[in-house]
Structure formats: C-alpha cells, structure tokens
Amino acid sequence: MGIGMRELVIILVVVLLVFGTKKLSSIGSDLGAAVRGFKKAVSDGEDEQSSPPKQIRSEGTDAEFPEAAKKGEVKSDRSA
C-alpha cells in the first residue's frame, strides 16, 4: 500500500507543471538550506546538553522585604 514508481512520476510531473523548472530548483535549494539549518540546530542542542550547566554565583544575601518579615513574625507568634 505504499507509493510506487508510477505514483512518484505522476506527482513529479504535476509538480513540474504547477511550479515550473526555475521555481522548482529554487524551492529545492531553499528546502535543502532549511534541512541543513535544522540539522545544525539539533546538533547545537545536543552539544548544550552534553556540557555541564553553568553555575550562577551568588554575590550577596537575599533581599529582605519588611512586609514578608512582619508576616513571618505574625505566623511565628500564632504557632507559639
């Protein structure tokens, strides 16, 4: 139930009639460039996954918010 040689030839003839030879060659080159770009992106993604993750350095203490500190005090008073 696959596509045979006759079906492929008929599809090729219809595509040639619809697009023409000049347009078909430009579509082929554009499609090839797209496939190359996709393969490059996939290989770059694999390289990122194989390298160890970068560590973010902490340069100080966390920010303190007075509202959060007050809520924390209230909660600690209720639990006691």
Protein backbone atom coordinates (compact mmCIF):
# COMPACT_ATOMS: atom_id res chain seq x y z
CA MET A 1 0.00 0.00 0.00
CA GLY A 2 3.00 2.31 -0.37
CA ILE A 3 3.71 4.78 -3.12
CA GLY A 4 5.07 3.06 -6.19
CA MET A 5 7.24 4.34 -9.01
CA ARG A 6 4.26 5.29 -11.19
CA GLU A 7 2.73 7.44 -8.45
CA LEU A 8 6.05 9.22 -7.83
CA VAL A 9 6.42 10.00 -11.55
CA ILE A 10 2.87 11.35 -11.74
CA ILE A 11 3.45 13.54 -8.66
CA LEU A 12 6.72 14.85 -10.13
CA VAL A 13 5.02 15.72 -13.45
CA VAL A 14 2.20 17.56 -11.67
CA VAL A 15 4.69 19.50 -9.53
CA LEU A 16 6.70 20.45 -12.63
CA LEU A 17 3.54 21.67 -14.36
CA VAL A 18 2.41 23.70 -11.36
CA PHE A 19 5.71 25.30 -10.36
CA GLY A 20 7.91 25.15 -13.46
CA THR A 21 11.56 24.19 -13.61
CA LYS A 22 13.06 27.50 -12.42
CA LYS A 23 10.76 27.77 -9.44
CA LEU A 24 11.25 24.08 -8.64
CA SER A 25 15.04 24.47 -8.48
CA SER A 26 14.75 27.46 -6.12
CA ILE A 27 12.29 25.53 -3.93
CA GLY A 28 14.75 22.63 -3.81
CA SER A 29 17.65 24.84 -2.77
CA ASP A 30 15.51 26.56 -0.12
CA LEU A 31 14.38 23.21 1.21
CA GLY A 32 17.98 22.00 1.36
CA ALA A 33 19.03 25.11 3.29
CA ALA A 34 16.16 24.58 5.72
CA VAL A 35 17.17 20.96 6.33
CA ARG A 36 20.81 21.98 6.91
CA GLY A 37 19.71 24.68 9.36
CA PHE A 38 17.52 22.19 11.22
CA LYS A 39 20.34 19.66 11.48
CA LYS A 40 22.70 22.36 12.75
CA ALA A 41 20.20 23.46 15.40
CA VAL A 42 19.69 19.88 16.55
CA SER A 43 23.44 19.25 16.83
CA ASP A 44 23.92 22.53 18.72
CA GLY A 45 21.20 21.47 21.15
CA GLU A 46 22.91 18.14 21.72
CA ASP A 47 26.21 19.93 22.41
CA GLU A 48 24.50 22.12 25.03
CA GLN A 49 23.01 19.10 26.75
CA SER A 50 26.34 17.29 26.94
CA SER A 51 28.18 20.24 28.51
CA PRO A 52 27.79 20.77 32.26
CA PRO A 53 25.37 23.52 33.31
CA LYS A 54 26.85 26.86 34.23
CA GLN A 55 26.72 27.83 37.88
CA ILE A 56 25.25 31.17 38.85
CA ARG A 57 27.32 32.79 41.54
CA SER A 58 25.57 34.35 44.48
CA GLU A 59 27.05 37.76 45.14
CA GLY A 60 25.39 38.52 48.44
CA THR A 61 22.48 37.80 50.67
CA ASP A 62 18.89 37.70 49.57
CA ALA A 63 16.82 40.84 49.58
CA GLU A 64 14.81 41.46 52.72
CA PHE A 65 11.28 42.74 52.49
CA PRO A 66 9.72 44.29 55.60
CA GLU A 67 6.21 43.09 54.71
CA ALA A 68 7.37 39.49 54.48
CA ALA A 69 9.27 39.80 57.74
CA LYS A 70 6.15 41.11 59.53
CA LYS A 71 4.03 38.25 58.17
CA GLY A 72 6.69 35.81 59.33
CA GLU A 73 6.59 37.26 62.82
CA VAL A 74 2.82 37.01 62.96
CA LYS A 75 2.91 33.38 61.90
CA SER A 76 5.56 32.56 64.46
CA ASP A 77 3.52 34.27 67.22
CA ARG A 78 0.42 32.22 66.34
CA SER A 79 2.27 28.91 66.34
CA ALA A 80 3.68 29.51 69.86
